[in-house]
Amino acid sequence: MSITAIGTIQRSDMGSGTWTLVTDSGETYELQQGTAKELLKPGLKVKVQGQVREDVMTLAMVGPVLEVKSFDVI
């Protein structure tokens, strides 16, 4: 499923540690490993376009896994 979401990047200590996008509407997505390092900054406000990966599981399990296709810093 493709999505466009606006939210804030956060670092979670769940599992072995992971990065998340918490949307303005309160949804949490776990960013897929390999996400661009420019995006991985706690507190960064972004608009993200990506693909929710229902075929991927993680140790952290903090939300659906999001494969980021593009993003803009707001």
Protein backbone atom coordinates (compact mmCIF):
# COMPACT_ATOMS: atom_id res chain seq x y z
CA MET A 1 0.00 0.00 0.00
CA SER A 2 1.43 3.39 -1.00
CA ILE A 3 1.12 6.28 1.43
CA THR A 4 2.04 9.92 1.82
CA ALA A 5 2.42 11.03 5.43
CA ILE A 6 3.59 14.07 7.36
CA GLY A 7 5.24 13.50 10.70
CA THR A 8 8.32 13.48 12.90
CA ILE A 9 11.28 11.12 12.87
CA GLN A 10 11.99 9.43 16.20
CA ARG A 11 14.50 6.89 17.48
CA SER A 12 13.04 3.93 19.38
CA ASP A 13 15.02 1.64 21.68
CA MET A 14 12.64 -1.28 21.07
CA GLY A 15 14.35 -4.46 19.94
CA SER A 16 17.86 -3.64 18.82
CA GLY A 17 16.83 -0.02 18.17
CA THR A 18 14.93 1.35 15.22
CA TRP A 19 13.82 4.57 13.54
CA THR A 20 10.17 5.53 13.29
CA LEU A 21 7.93 8.07 11.64
CA VAL A 22 5.18 9.30 13.97
CA THR A 23 2.56 10.97 11.81
CA ASP A 24 0.67 14.12 12.72
CA SER A 25 -2.44 11.93 13.06
CA GLY A 26 -0.70 9.68 15.63
CA GLU A 27 0.21 6.63 13.54
CA THR A 28 3.66 5.08 13.98
CA TYR A 29 5.59 3.48 11.12
CA GLU A 30 8.90 1.68 11.51
CA LEU A 31 11.34 2.85 8.84
CA GLN A 32 12.79 -0.02 6.83
CA GLN A 33 16.48 -0.74 7.24
CA GLY A 34 18.49 1.00 4.56
CA THR A 35 16.53 4.26 4.78
CA ALA A 36 18.59 7.28 3.66
CA LYS A 37 20.82 8.52 6.50
CA GLU A 38 19.75 12.13 5.79
CA LEU A 39 16.29 11.16 7.08
CA LEU A 40 17.49 9.54 10.31
CA LYS A 41 17.58 12.59 12.58
CA PRO A 42 15.43 12.66 15.74
CA GLY A 43 12.86 15.46 15.68
CA LEU A 44 13.10 16.01 11.91
CA LYS A 45 9.70 17.07 10.49
CA VAL A 46 9.12 15.46 7.09
CA LYS A 47 6.66 14.60 4.36
CA VAL A 48 7.30 11.01 3.30
CA GLN A 49 6.09 9.01 0.33
CA GLY A 50 6.52 5.28 0.57
CA GLN A 51 5.26 1.75 0.55
CA VAL A 52 3.90 -0.06 3.61
CA ARG A 53 5.60 -3.47 3.56
CA GLU A 54 3.21 -6.09 4.88
CA ASP A 55 5.68 -8.81 3.88
CA VAL A 56 8.40 -7.64 6.32
CA MET A 57 8.64 -8.35 10.06
CA THR A 58 11.08 -6.87 12.57
CA LEU A 59 12.24 -7.43 16.14
CA ALA A 60 10.98 -4.03 17.31
CA MET A 61 7.43 -4.41 15.96
CA VAL A 62 6.51 -0.79 16.79
CA GLY A 63 4.29 -0.36 13.74
CA PRO A 64 3.97 -1.28 10.08
CA VAL A 65 7.28 -1.22 8.18
CA LEU A 66 7.56 1.73 5.79
CA GLU A 67 9.86 1.61 2.77
CA VAL A 68 10.60 5.27 2.06
CA LYS A 69 10.58 6.12 -1.65
CA SER A 70 11.08 9.91 -1.24
CA PHE A 71 10.90 12.58 1.43
CA ASP A 72 10.96 16.32 1.91
CA VAL A 73 12.06 18.13 5.06
CA ILE A 74 9.36 20.54 6.18
